[in-house]
Each structure stands twice: as C-alpha cells, then as structure tokens.
Protein backbone atom coordinates (compact mmCIF):
# COMPACT_ATOMS: atom_id res chain seq x y z
CA MET A 1 0.01 0.06 0.54
CA ILE A 2 1.52 3.70 -0.64
CA PHE A 3 0.07 6.45 1.21
CA THR A 4 -1.04 9.53 -0.68
CA PRO A 5 0.93 12.73 -0.54
CA SER A 6 -1.38 15.82 0.57
CA PRO A 7 -0.23 18.79 -0.93
CA MET A 8 1.24 20.50 2.21
CA LEU A 9 3.67 17.57 2.66
CA LEU A 10 4.72 18.28 -1.54
CA LYS A 11 6.26 21.20 -0.53
CA LEU A 12 8.47 19.81 1.50
CA LEU A 13 10.32 17.84 -1.52
CA TYR A 14 11.57 20.93 -2.66
CA THR A 15 15.13 21.79 -1.15
CA ARG A 16 15.21 25.20 0.17
CA GLY A 17 17.93 26.65 -0.19
CA SER A 18 18.81 25.21 -3.30
CA LEU A 19 17.81 27.48 -6.50
CA HIS A 20 20.83 29.08 -7.62
CA ASN A 21 22.65 30.65 -11.36
CA THR A 22 24.22 28.36 -12.96
CA PRO A 23 26.17 29.56 -16.48
CA GLU A 24 23.32 28.43 -18.02
CA GLY A 25 20.55 29.71 -16.66
CA VAL A 26 18.82 28.63 -13.13
CA ALA A 27 18.70 25.66 -11.29
CA PHE A 28 16.87 23.60 -8.02
CA SER A 29 16.64 20.51 -6.41
CA ILE A 30 14.20 18.64 -5.54
CA LYS A 31 14.83 15.59 -3.13
CA ASN A 32 12.08 12.50 -2.15
CA ARG A 33 11.00 12.27 0.87
CA LEU A 34 8.19 9.90 0.20
CA ASP A 35 8.71 7.05 -0.54
CA THR A 36 10.76 5.45 -3.59
CA VAL A 37 8.84 6.40 -6.66
CA ARG A 38 8.92 6.54 -10.65
CA ILE A 39 9.14 9.67 -12.28
CA THR A 40 7.29 9.35 -15.41
CA ARG A 41 6.49 12.58 -17.46
CA ILE A 42 8.31 16.57 -16.44
CA ASP A 43 5.19 18.88 -16.96
CA ALA A 44 6.09 21.72 -16.68
CA VAL A 45 8.27 24.81 -14.30
CA LEU A 46 7.24 27.98 -13.57
CA ILE A 47 9.89 31.10 -11.99
CA ASP A 48 7.72 33.88 -10.94
CA GLY A 49 5.05 32.78 -12.74
CA GLN A 50 6.92 32.66 -16.09
CA ARG A 51 6.65 29.04 -17.97
CA LEU A 52 9.50 27.80 -19.39
CA GLY A 53 9.20 25.27 -22.21
CA LEU A 54 9.96 21.92 -22.04
CA GLU A 55 12.56 22.21 -24.43
CA GLN A 56 14.24 24.43 -21.69
CA ILE A 57 14.27 21.55 -19.00
CA ALA A 58 16.71 18.98 -17.99
CA LEU A 59 16.94 17.07 -15.30
CA ASP A 60 20.14 16.04 -13.83
CA LEU A 61 19.48 13.13 -11.57
CA GLY A 62 23.06 12.22 -10.24
CA ASN A 63 26.44 10.21 -11.53
CA GLY A 64 26.35 11.96 -14.88
CA ASP A 65 22.35 11.10 -15.84
CA VAL A 66 21.25 14.52 -16.87
CA ARG A 67 18.62 14.35 -19.36
CA PRO A 68 16.21 17.01 -21.20
CA ALA A 69 12.60 16.92 -20.52
CA THR A 70 11.43 15.81 -24.10
CA VAL A 71 14.09 12.90 -23.92
CA PHE A 72 12.46 12.02 -20.15
CA ASN A 73 9.32 12.07 -20.93
CA ALA A 74 9.56 10.77 -24.17
CA ASP A 75 10.76 7.14 -22.55
CA SER A 76 7.81 5.64 -20.82
CA ALA A 77 9.54 3.49 -18.45
CA GLY A 78 10.04 6.68 -16.84
CA TYR A 79 12.95 7.17 -13.57
CA GLU A 80 13.16 5.13 -10.18
CA LEU A 81 13.95 8.06 -7.59
CA PRO A 82 14.76 6.34 -4.18
CA VAL A 83 14.38 7.34 -0.81
CA GLY A 84 16.63 9.69 0.45
CA GLN A 85 18.28 11.11 -3.28
CA ALA A 86 17.89 14.06 -5.09
CA ALA A 87 17.06 14.80 -8.99
CA THR A 88 17.73 18.88 -9.83
CA PHE A 89 16.37 20.43 -12.18
CA HIS A 90 18.35 22.53 -14.70
CA LEU A 91 16.90 25.78 -17.05
CA VAL A 92 17.85 27.32 -19.47
CA THR A 93 16.73 30.69 -18.86
CA GLU A 94 17.93 34.40 -18.00
CA HIS A 95 19.67 34.66 -14.04
CA LEU A 96 17.63 35.32 -11.63
CA LYS A 97 18.28 38.61 -9.17
CA GLU A 98 19.45 38.42 -5.31
CA GLY A 99 16.02 38.36 -4.06
CA ILE A 100 13.12 35.96 -3.18
CA HIS A 101 11.31 33.74 -6.06
CA LYS A 102 8.41 32.04 -6.20
CA VAL A 103 9.12 28.62 -8.02
CA CYS A 104 6.47 26.02 -9.00
CA VAL A 105 7.18 22.44 -10.18
CA GLN A 106 4.58 20.11 -12.11
CA PHE A 107 5.68 16.63 -12.52
CA ALA A 108 3.58 12.90 -12.95
CA ALA A 109 5.72 9.98 -10.13
CA ASP A 110 3.97 6.51 -10.06
CA PRO A 111 2.57 5.84 -7.96
CA PHE A 112 1.33 8.92 -6.63
CA GLY A 113 0.17 10.36 -10.10
CA ASP A 114 0.43 13.94 -10.47
CA LEU A 115 2.41 15.99 -8.10
CA ASN A 116 2.81 19.92 -7.81
CA VAL A 117 4.65 22.15 -6.03
CA GLU A 118 4.50 25.32 -5.25
CA VAL A 119 6.94 27.14 -3.06
CA GLU A 120 9.26 30.20 -1.92
CA ASP A 121 13.67 30.55 -2.28
CA ALA A 122 15.61 32.91 -2.34
CA ILE A 123 18.25 33.56 -4.56
CA VAL A 124 21.58 34.28 -2.29
CA ASN A 125 25.65 34.97 -3.17
CA GLN A 126 27.97 33.36 -1.54
CA SER A 127 31.54 34.32 -1.27
CA ALA A 128 33.54 33.05 -3.78
CA SER A 129 36.51 33.40 -0.93
CA ARG A 130 35.05 31.33 0.87
CA THR A 131 37.05 28.21 2.06
CA ARG A 132 35.25 24.51 1.61
CA ILE A 133 36.27 21.29 2.71
CA PRO A 134 37.36 19.43 -0.70
CA ARG A 135 35.04 16.21 -1.70
CA GLN A 136 34.79 14.45 -5.36
CA ASP A 137 31.36 14.34 -6.46
CA GLN A 138 32.26 11.08 -8.20
CA ASP A 139 33.30 8.98 -5.71
CA ASP A 140 33.49 11.02 -2.31
CA TYR A 141 35.10 8.14 -0.59
CA SER A 142 37.96 7.64 -3.15
CA GLU A 143 41.74 7.26 -2.58
CA ALA A 144 42.35 10.61 -4.18
CA ALA A 145 39.42 12.28 -2.27
CA ILE A 146 40.49 11.14 1.28
CA GLN A 147 43.75 11.79 0.90
CA ALA A 148 43.05 16.18 -0.52
CA ARG A 149 41.34 15.95 2.45
CA GLN A 150 43.95 14.64 4.48
CA ARG A 151 46.78 17.35 2.98
CA PHE A 152 43.65 20.07 3.01
CA ALA A 153 43.62 19.31 7.14
CA GLU A 154 46.86 19.40 7.59
CA GLU A 155 47.76 23.19 5.35
CA PHE A 156 44.58 24.64 7.15
CA SER A 157 45.64 23.64 10.88
CA GLY A 158 49.78 23.64 10.21
CA GLN A 159 49.88 20.08 12.09
CA GLU A 160 50.82 17.04 10.70
CA PHE A 161 48.67 13.50 10.95
CA LYS A 162 50.27 10.84 11.33
CA HIS A 163 47.45 8.77 13.32
CA LEU A 164 44.68 9.90 12.37
CA LYS A 165 45.31 8.88 8.35
CA HIS A 166 45.72 5.31 9.02
CA TYR A 167 42.98 2.42 8.57
CA SER A 168 42.03 -0.86 7.77
CA PHE A 169 39.02 -1.12 5.76
CA ASP A 170 37.24 0.01 2.63
CA ALA A 171 36.16 3.75 2.63
CA HIS A 172 33.30 3.16 0.84
CA ASP A 173 31.62 0.98 3.43
CA LEU A 174 31.42 4.07 5.20
CA GLN A 175 28.38 5.59 2.68
CA GLY A 176 25.58 6.21 4.54
CA ASN A 177 27.62 6.62 8.11
CA CYS A 178 30.02 9.66 7.71
CA GLU A 179 30.97 12.83 4.93
CA HIS A 180 33.95 14.20 4.40
CA PHE A 181 36.08 10.90 5.64
CA THR A 182 39.08 11.94 6.80
CA GLY A 183 40.58 9.16 8.95
CA VAL A 184 39.83 7.74 12.22
CA ALA A 185 39.63 8.41 15.71
CA GLN A 186 41.26 5.41 17.82
CA ILE A 187 39.59 4.40 20.81
CA PRO A 188 40.87 1.45 22.57
CA VAL A 189 38.74 -1.52 23.75
CA GLY A 190 39.41 -3.40 26.85
CA LEU A 191 37.32 -6.61 27.68
CA ALA A 192 35.70 -7.43 30.85
CA GLY A 193 34.20 -10.27 31.65
CA PRO A 194 33.09 -12.77 30.57
CA LEU A 195 29.55 -12.09 32.35
CA THR A 196 27.14 -14.94 33.12
CA VAL A 197 23.37 -13.58 31.86
CA ASN A 198 20.46 -15.54 32.08
CA GLY A 199 17.99 -13.45 29.69
CA GLU A 200 15.54 -15.02 27.43
CA HIS A 201 17.33 -13.62 24.36
CA ALA A 202 20.77 -13.71 26.07
CA GLN A 203 21.65 -16.76 27.25
CA GLY A 204 25.61 -17.21 28.63
CA ASP A 205 28.88 -16.34 29.25
CA PHE A 206 29.73 -12.88 27.22
CA LEU A 207 32.69 -11.31 27.07
CA ILE A 208 32.30 -7.10 26.43
CA PRO A 209 34.35 -4.80 24.75
CA MET A 210 34.23 -1.59 26.04
CA ALA A 211 34.91 1.03 24.35
CA THR A 212 36.93 3.97 26.68
CA THR A 213 39.65 6.74 27.31
CA GLU A 214 38.67 6.59 31.27
CA GLY A 215 41.45 4.81 33.36
CA THR A 216 39.88 2.47 35.99
CA LEU A 217 36.28 2.01 33.76
CA VAL A 218 36.98 -1.60 32.36
CA ALA A 219 38.80 -2.34 35.62
CA SER A 220 35.60 -1.24 37.56
CA TYR A 221 32.83 -3.06 35.53
CA ASN A 222 34.61 -6.17 35.51
CA ARG A 223 34.93 -6.35 39.36
CA GLY A 224 30.82 -6.08 39.55
CA ILE A 225 30.74 -8.61 37.06
CA GLN A 226 32.89 -11.24 38.71
CA VAL A 227 31.14 -10.26 41.74
CA LEU A 228 27.29 -10.71 39.52
CA ASN A 229 28.72 -14.34 38.26
CA LEU A 230 30.53 -15.75 41.87
CA CYS A 231 26.35 -15.23 42.25
CA GLY A 232 24.88 -16.94 39.90
CA GLY A 233 24.78 -14.71 36.76
CA VAL A 234 22.32 -11.94 35.75
CA LYS A 235 19.06 -12.11 35.13
CA CYS A 236 17.65 -9.42 32.57
CA THR A 237 14.36 -9.48 31.25
CA VAL A 238 13.12 -6.94 28.50
CA ILE A 239 9.77 -5.50 29.08
CA GLY A 240 9.09 -3.09 26.82
CA ASP A 241 9.69 -1.92 23.09
CA ALA A 242 8.26 0.93 21.15
CA MET A 243 9.93 4.07 19.43
CA GLN A 244 8.83 7.39 18.70
CA ARG A 245 7.88 10.22 16.30
CA ALA A 246 6.23 12.62 17.48
CA PRO A 247 4.51 15.58 15.17
CA VAL A 248 2.12 18.33 15.87
CA PHE A 249 -1.02 19.65 14.62
CA VAL A 250 -2.03 23.34 15.09
CA PHE A 251 -5.19 24.50 14.80
CA ASP A 252 -7.15 27.84 15.99
CA ASP A 253 -8.42 26.82 18.59
CA ALA A 254 -8.40 24.05 21.52
CA ARG A 255 -11.93 22.82 20.75
CA GLY A 256 -10.12 21.61 17.20
CA ALA A 257 -7.58 20.02 18.67
CA ARG A 258 -9.57 18.29 20.76
CA ASP A 259 -12.10 16.72 18.13
CA PHE A 260 -8.97 16.08 15.92
CA GLY A 261 -7.61 14.00 18.54
CA LYS A 262 -10.05 12.23 18.95
CA TRP A 263 -10.63 11.35 15.40
CA VAL A 264 -7.21 10.00 15.05
CA GLU A 265 -8.04 7.31 18.16
CA GLU A 266 -11.25 6.17 15.76
CA GLU A 267 -9.51 5.91 12.87
CA ILE A 268 -6.90 4.19 14.07
CA ASP A 269 -7.05 0.58 12.69
CA LYS A 270 -7.06 3.17 8.60
CA ILE A 271 -3.78 4.93 10.05
CA ARG A 272 -1.73 2.02 11.16
CA PRO A 273 -1.98 0.58 7.05
CA GLU A 274 -0.67 3.85 5.65
CA ALA A 275 2.16 3.84 7.96
CA GLU A 276 3.51 0.54 7.69
CA SER A 277 2.97 0.96 4.27
CA THR A 278 6.16 2.41 3.95
CA SER A 279 8.59 -0.49 5.86
CA ARG A 280 8.18 -4.79 6.06
CA VAL A 281 9.72 -4.23 9.63
CA ALA A 282 8.09 -1.04 10.92
CA LYS A 283 4.64 -1.91 12.90
CA LEU A 284 2.55 0.96 14.44
CA GLN A 285 1.55 -0.36 18.05
CA TYR A 286 -0.34 2.84 19.66
CA ILE A 287 -0.45 6.26 18.90
CA ASP A 288 -0.63 8.24 22.20
CA THR A 289 -2.35 12.12 21.67
CA TYR A 290 -0.98 14.94 24.13
CA LEU A 291 -3.84 17.98 23.79
CA SER A 292 -1.93 21.44 24.99
CA ASN A 293 -3.03 25.27 24.07
CA LYS A 294 -3.97 24.81 20.16
CA PHE A 295 -2.26 21.93 19.73
CA ALA A 296 -2.40 17.76 19.34
CA TYR A 297 0.58 16.15 19.75
CA LEU A 298 0.82 12.76 18.39
CA ARG A 299 3.52 10.34 19.65
CA PHE A 300 3.54 7.66 17.22
CA ASN A 301 4.75 4.22 18.85
CA PHE A 302 6.67 1.32 16.29
CA SER A 303 8.55 -1.45 17.14
CA THR A 304 11.26 -1.67 14.62
CA GLY A 305 12.87 -5.31 14.48
CA ASP A 306 16.38 -5.54 14.91
CA ALA A 307 16.86 -1.46 13.80
CA ALA A 308 17.17 1.41 16.50
CA GLY A 309 14.76 2.56 13.78
CA GLN A 310 14.69 6.23 14.32
CA ASN A 311 14.65 7.22 10.60
CA MET A 312 12.37 4.00 10.26
CA VAL A 313 9.67 5.79 11.89
CA GLY A 314 10.33 9.03 10.36
CA ARG A 315 9.11 8.15 7.10
CA ALA A 316 6.00 5.32 8.50
CA THR A 317 4.61 8.58 10.63
CA PHE A 318 5.56 10.55 7.25
CA ALA A 319 3.22 8.50 5.68
CA ALA A 320 0.69 8.13 7.88
CA CYS A 321 0.30 12.78 8.98
CA SER A 322 0.19 12.81 4.77
CA TRP A 323 -3.29 10.30 4.92
CA ILE A 324 -4.33 12.52 8.28
CA LEU A 325 -4.44 15.25 6.68
CA GLU A 326 -5.50 14.46 3.44
CA ASN A 327 -8.45 12.87 5.19
CA TYR A 328 -8.95 14.81 8.01
CA LYS A 329 -12.75 16.98 7.49
CA GLY A 330 -12.92 18.87 10.51
CA ALA A 331 -11.76 22.05 11.48
CA PRO A 332 -8.64 23.40 9.44
CA ILE A 333 -5.42 22.12 10.11
CA ARG A 334 -3.05 24.94 10.27
CA HIS A 335 0.58 23.89 10.33
CA PHE A 336 1.78 20.51 10.36
CA TYR A 337 5.38 19.65 11.80
CA LEU A 338 6.90 15.82 11.66
CA GLU A 339 8.87 16.12 14.78
CA SER A 340 7.25 18.49 17.79
CA ASN A 341 10.63 17.31 20.11
CA PHE A 342 8.13 16.09 21.90
CA ALA A 343 9.18 12.58 21.09
CA THR A 344 12.95 13.96 22.81
CA ASP A 345 15.09 11.96 20.83
CA LYS A 346 18.42 12.34 21.52
CA LYS A 347 16.86 13.99 25.02
CA ALA A 348 16.86 12.77 28.47
CA SER A 349 12.52 12.99 29.37
CA GLN A 350 10.32 12.43 31.77
CA ILE A 351 8.10 10.88 29.23
CA ASN A 352 10.51 8.32 28.05
CA VAL A 353 11.48 7.18 31.47
CA MET A 354 7.86 6.51 32.04
CA ARG A 355 6.53 5.45 28.57
CA THR A 356 9.09 4.09 27.56
CA ARG A 357 11.56 4.90 24.23
CA GLY A 358 13.68 2.06 22.56
CA LYS A 359 14.00 -1.07 24.65
CA ARG A 360 12.85 -1.17 28.31
CA VAL A 361 15.24 -3.94 30.25
CA VAL A 362 15.11 -4.97 33.72
CA ALA A 363 18.72 -6.12 34.96
CA GLU A 364 18.87 -8.20 38.95
CA CYS A 365 20.20 -10.35 40.48
CA VAL A 366 20.73 -11.53 44.48
CA ILE A 367 24.21 -10.84 45.87
CA LYS A 368 25.34 -13.18 48.39
CA ARG A 369 26.28 -11.83 52.11
CA ASP A 370 29.13 -13.54 51.83
CA ILE A 371 30.67 -12.56 48.49
CA LEU A 372 29.53 -8.95 48.88
CA GLN A 373 31.66 -8.31 52.17
CA GLN A 374 34.74 -10.37 50.93
CA ARG A 375 35.32 -8.87 47.36
CA MET A 376 33.36 -5.25 47.67
CA ARG A 377 33.93 -4.69 51.57
CA VAL A 378 30.72 -3.70 52.20
CA THR A 379 27.60 -4.99 54.15
CA PRO A 380 23.95 -5.16 51.92
CA GLU A 381 22.48 -2.92 54.49
CA GLN A 382 25.25 -0.91 53.88
CA LEU A 383 24.51 -0.33 50.18
CA ALA A 384 20.78 -0.43 51.09
CA TYR A 385 21.35 2.44 53.27
CA HIS A 386 23.43 4.54 50.83
CA GLY A 387 20.91 3.94 48.21
CA GLN A 388 18.41 5.48 50.28
CA VAL A 389 20.41 8.66 50.48
CA SER A 390 21.36 8.80 46.90
CA ASN A 391 17.21 8.66 45.66
CA VAL A 392 17.44 12.24 47.82
CA GLY A 393 20.19 13.56 46.18
CA ALA A 394 18.83 12.49 42.90
CA PHE A 395 15.59 13.51 43.66
CA LEU A 396 16.56 16.95 44.77
CA SER A 397 18.78 17.27 41.31
CA GLY A 398 16.36 16.86 38.82
CA ALA A 399 18.59 13.88 37.38
CA ASN A 400 17.27 11.13 35.03
CA ASN A 401 18.83 8.40 37.09
CA ASN A 402 19.06 8.04 40.29
CA GLY A 403 22.10 5.14 40.01
CA ALA A 404 25.58 5.45 39.90
CA HIS A 405 27.31 5.80 36.58
CA SER A 406 24.82 3.63 33.66
CA ALA A 407 25.87 5.93 31.10
CA ASN A 408 29.43 5.00 31.20
CA GLY A 409 28.69 1.20 30.05
CA ILE A 410 26.20 2.09 28.20
CA THR A 411 28.41 4.61 26.38
CA ALA A 412 31.76 2.45 26.11
CA LEU A 413 29.74 -0.43 24.92
CA PHE A 414 28.05 1.53 22.55
CA ILE A 415 31.05 3.71 21.10
CA ALA A 416 32.56 -0.35 20.78
CA THR A 417 29.31 -1.72 18.79
CA GLY A 418 28.53 1.12 16.13
CA GLN A 419 25.60 2.15 18.54
CA ASP A 420 24.46 6.00 17.60
CA VAL A 421 26.55 7.16 21.19
CA ALA A 422 24.33 10.65 21.13
CA ASN A 423 21.47 8.61 22.29
CA VAL A 424 22.87 7.62 25.60
CA SER A 425 21.18 11.43 26.58
CA GLU A 426 18.22 8.87 26.19
CA SER A 427 19.69 5.03 27.24
CA SER A 428 20.93 6.62 29.85
CA ALA A 429 18.43 6.95 32.26
CA GLY A 430 18.07 4.37 35.03
CA VAL A 431 15.92 3.23 38.27
CA LEU A 432 17.95 1.43 40.69
CA TYR A 433 16.71 0.28 43.29
CA SER A 434 18.08 -2.24 46.27
CA GLU A 435 16.69 -4.05 49.30
CA VAL A 436 18.35 -6.20 52.45
CA THR A 437 16.15 -9.62 51.89
CA LYS A 438 14.94 -11.90 54.51
CA GLU A 439 18.03 -14.03 54.36
CA GLY A 440 20.27 -11.34 54.57
CA ASP A 441 21.36 -11.09 51.14
CA LEU A 442 20.98 -8.05 48.73
CA TYR A 443 18.86 -7.66 46.41
CA LEU A 444 19.67 -5.08 43.44
CA SER A 445 18.20 -4.15 40.52
CA ILE A 446 18.19 -1.13 37.50
CA THR A 447 15.33 -0.50 34.85
CA ILE A 448 16.12 1.00 31.89
CA PRO A 449 13.16 2.40 30.31
CA SER A 450 14.72 4.22 27.21
CA LEU A 451 17.58 2.00 25.96
CA ILE A 452 17.93 2.31 22.68
CA VAL A 453 20.13 -0.09 20.66
CA ALA A 454 19.94 -2.08 17.25
CA THR A 455 21.57 -4.67 15.90
CA HIS A 456 21.34 -4.28 12.59
CA GLY A 457 21.61 -0.80 9.83
CA GLY A 458 23.62 2.49 11.15
CA GLY A 459 27.51 1.44 12.48
CA THR A 460 26.93 -1.73 13.35
CA GLY A 461 27.34 -3.54 9.74
CA LEU A 462 30.98 -1.36 9.64
CA ALA A 463 34.54 -2.88 10.19
CA THR A 464 35.67 -3.09 13.95
CA GLN A 465 31.62 -2.47 15.55
CA ASN A 466 30.69 -5.32 13.29
CA GLU A 467 33.60 -8.06 14.73
CA CYS A 468 32.42 -6.19 18.70
CA LEU A 469 28.96 -7.22 17.89
CA ARG A 470 29.84 -10.86 16.61
CA MET A 471 32.33 -11.42 20.07
CA LEU A 472 28.77 -10.70 21.54
CA GLY A 473 27.11 -13.12 19.23
CA CYS A 474 24.54 -10.08 18.33
CA VAL A 475 24.98 -10.54 13.85
CA GLY A 476 22.07 -11.31 12.59
CA ARG A 477 18.16 -11.12 12.79
CA GLY A 478 16.42 -11.40 16.00
CA THR A 479 19.44 -10.72 17.66
CA VAL A 480 18.77 -6.89 19.61
CA ASN A 481 16.75 -8.39 22.81
CA LYS A 482 19.38 -10.22 23.54
CA PHE A 483 22.18 -6.69 22.94
CA ALA A 484 19.66 -5.36 24.92
CA GLU A 485 19.50 -7.99 27.73
CA ILE A 486 23.65 -8.06 28.09
CA VAL A 487 23.92 -3.79 28.17
CA ALA A 488 21.22 -3.72 31.00
CA GLY A 489 23.57 -7.23 32.65
CA VAL A 490 26.63 -5.11 32.28
CA VAL A 491 25.05 -1.82 33.60
CA LEU A 492 24.01 -3.62 36.69
CA ALA A 493 27.78 -4.67 37.57
CA GLY A 494 28.99 -0.71 37.09
CA GLU A 495 25.66 0.20 39.61
CA LEU A 496 27.12 -2.64 42.09
CA SER A 497 31.22 -2.11 41.53
CA LEU A 498 30.82 1.76 42.04
CA GLY A 499 28.40 1.90 44.63
CA SER A 500 30.27 -0.53 46.26
CA ALA A 501 33.68 1.25 46.27
CA ILE A 502 31.59 4.91 47.22
CA SER A 503 30.42 3.41 50.34
CA SER A 504 33.45 1.70 51.03
CA SER A 505 35.43 4.95 49.91
CA ASP A 506 37.67 2.52 47.68
CA TRP A 507 36.72 4.86 44.91
CA VAL A 508 39.10 7.59 45.22
CA SER A 509 42.54 4.85 45.79
CA SER A 510 41.40 3.25 42.86
CA HIS A 511 41.49 6.13 40.67
CA GLU A 512 44.62 7.15 41.83
CA GLN A 513 45.95 3.53 41.32
CA TYR A 514 44.11 2.64 37.96
CA GLY A 515 43.35 5.86 36.20
CA ARG A 516 45.68 9.31 35.29
CA ASN A 517 44.80 11.66 38.49
CA ARG A 518 47.94 12.52 38.26
C-alpha cells in the first residue's frame, strides 16, 4: 500500500536554499522524502509565474545522468528515484536577481500520479573566497578524495597527522555513515567479563568489549561482573519495546485540537496500514495524543525489529500524517510539523522514563552477603542505606537516574558496537532499586526505560563495530533483544562496583591506582 502525499507535505519535497544561478541559467533541487517512486513525466516549471518550455528543462539524476525533459518524457519507463535521493532541475533561462522567487514544478510520479510543488526560495550570492573542505561529486570515498582532505586539514591547521590517516577498511563502506571522511579516531577497547547472563534472549557467558579512554572504567565493570558471576549471573528481561516520532498539528483553538485527537483515536485502524506501507519491519503499536493550548501532539509508537528505528519511524509517521492531512475533514489544520520535540530524540525526558523509548529492560541479581563482604568490603545494609541517601540526592538534583554511572558502561558499549552514541542521552536513564532480603543478602536491580540499541543498520555493519557485535554473538536477525539484555547486565555490574567503591571509600584510591589523576 502506498500513501497519498498531501499538498502540505509536497512542499517538503523542495530543497530550500537550492535555488541558484548557473552558467546556462538557473537550477534547483527536489529531494524524494516520501517513498520510492518512478518519475514518469515532467509537465512544467514556472519561475515567478513565467512558464518555461520543455526544451528549456533538463533533469540531473546524479552520477552524470542528465536528461533533457523532452527525452525524459519520451521514455515511457521513467526513472526510479529512491527515498533520500535528489534530482536537480537545470533551466536554460535568464539569471535571477537576488531575493525571493516563486518556484512551481508540475510532474508525474508512479504510484502517486500528478504532483504539484509550489514554494518560495531565495537567490543569495555566496562569497567566492569562502574556505571549503575538498570533496568529489563522483566518488567522495575514493583514495584521492580522502587524501585531498587530509592534506587540506594539515595545511589549514599547520599540523601533521600521523595516526588519524591510518585505517584498515574500505572507505566506501562508510557511505551513509560519515561524510567528508578523512580518517579515524582510534579509541582503546578493553575487555570485561565474561558476564553470565540469564536472560530470555541472552543466555550464557559473554565477553564484553568496552571502548573508552577513562582509566578504571573497564576494571570497575570487570569487578562488578565477577561478583555477579559468583552469585549465579545476572537475570535480564526486556519488558517493553517502542520507538517514537511525535508530530504536532496546529489548530485555531483548543476545541479543534481536542476534536482532532478524538478522530485520530477512532481512525487508528485506517492510519496503521498507511504507516506500515513504508516498511516491512516497522509496526505501529499505538498513538498517544497529548493536547495543550491549540496544539495536538501525536506520539506514534512503533516496533522496529533489529534496527534502532528513528529514521524508519520518521518515514512511517510521515506517511501516516500525509493520510491524516488528506482525510481529516474537521477544523482546519493550520500547520503541521513531523517532529514536535515530544519524541525527545537525543534528549533525556520524563516521558521516556514513564512510557519507554527503545527497549525497556530490567537487570537484577541477588548478591550473597558473604561474597559482597569478601569482594566489595561492604554489607548489604550499607549499600541499601547508601541507596536511600542517594535517592534523595538524585531527587533534589532532578537527575534522570538514581544510580551511579550507567552512562559509562552504555557509552563504552555503544562506541564499541557502532550504536548512535548520542542516544546515551536517553539510554542513560535508570531506576536503581535495592533491598536486604530476609536471608540477609542484597537484592539489586536496575530498570533502563529507554535503551536505544540496534544490531542492524546504522554503524553496526562497520568493520570494528561489527567485530565487537560478533564477539557478543549479536549479529543476524532477531538479536537486538539479546544485545539489550547484555547491555543491562553490564550496567548492573557497574552500579554494583561503583556503589560499593563509594560506600567502602575505595573510589578515590582506585582512580589513583588505575587512572591518570597525576
């Protein structure tokens, strides 16, 4: 099923700021932000109301494929334009003056049919003396392009870079992961574990690769892992899974927003197939509606398979919203934005703690009194009381975590395994709980409510990152929950280790011994 783009969304096809003069005339770009389409016909281009003939129009499809509109229209096969790819319109006409101009493009694309894009854009003269980083349009990941940037960086900074320039993989593998590739930042990877995980998806012993430059970090996690292992390992459970995109619809008043929210709730069974038409993987679970002032915020919640899914759900939500804009017949929608900041992408938030973003996973363990005292030099009562005192501190500070340092282990694992490291801002949220059991042991658990991880897509397929995922046995379909359980187990080990070190006053001495405090 293919969704129908509304006129409001069609404006988003145009690339703002792409209008510019060329030696032959004028050019601008349209980028496919909808779904994979086949452009079958170019009908017209109008600049400030002046219609250009087809003989004045050519379409640059990239990689040297430039087709005059007359030839393009004569080819009944058309041209497939994947999502994310741009097409540049070249017009043989007089140069435009600086300022704002009206641009209208009329064309046909299968399966949408006739499309009409009308926007305003501006001509702005750019300084010819502006310093630019070297790049090659044809192959920006070639050795020549990379070396040009390396020379540029050395000349611009007046420094020589011996280590930045050395890497052991084909740079072409980085397409879609890094632009203007120049070299690598070599981050040390230490090993902790093996960690015994008793999960529903992760079962067995796992060697933990941790990428970090912080002294004592690997040693601290390794110490916690040893104690967990001596007590039978860590029990991990994924209890929630949802990835969000949160558009906002703007109305004239609060009643319009309220009625719209009710309509969305009633039409969920029609909205769902529109959203899921864009992906074999993304599945719309539910939509939360939040109303404020004259705004209706919709929080779309998807499952996304082994991918983290931010881009996937963005595309799916875009399709759903296009259908909504086309079919809602109530109060007029004055504005629409695909993201309202309510999904809190790359930001810590209370709604993620309450409602889940990514994987919601719990790690727990019962730590025997004798082992805790022998290995960590603290009693269960000491750690449990310390936890109560720390809860007050976390509450007063407004922190998103009442534990010690979950971000340390998560970040080290994220860097090692090719995760989007900025997601640590959400993933670091944690709810730590401890109690002394009736046998006098310590029950310790942590809930990570918004752990955003992937074993497919993003940086997970890159050279060293994929090797670290293979070390964990987390490559292949259906492994993301396994990875989430491992991450949660590592986090609990770190909480146990650092919490014990602070309680026993070993924290500073450990950094003196293993870190670089001097």
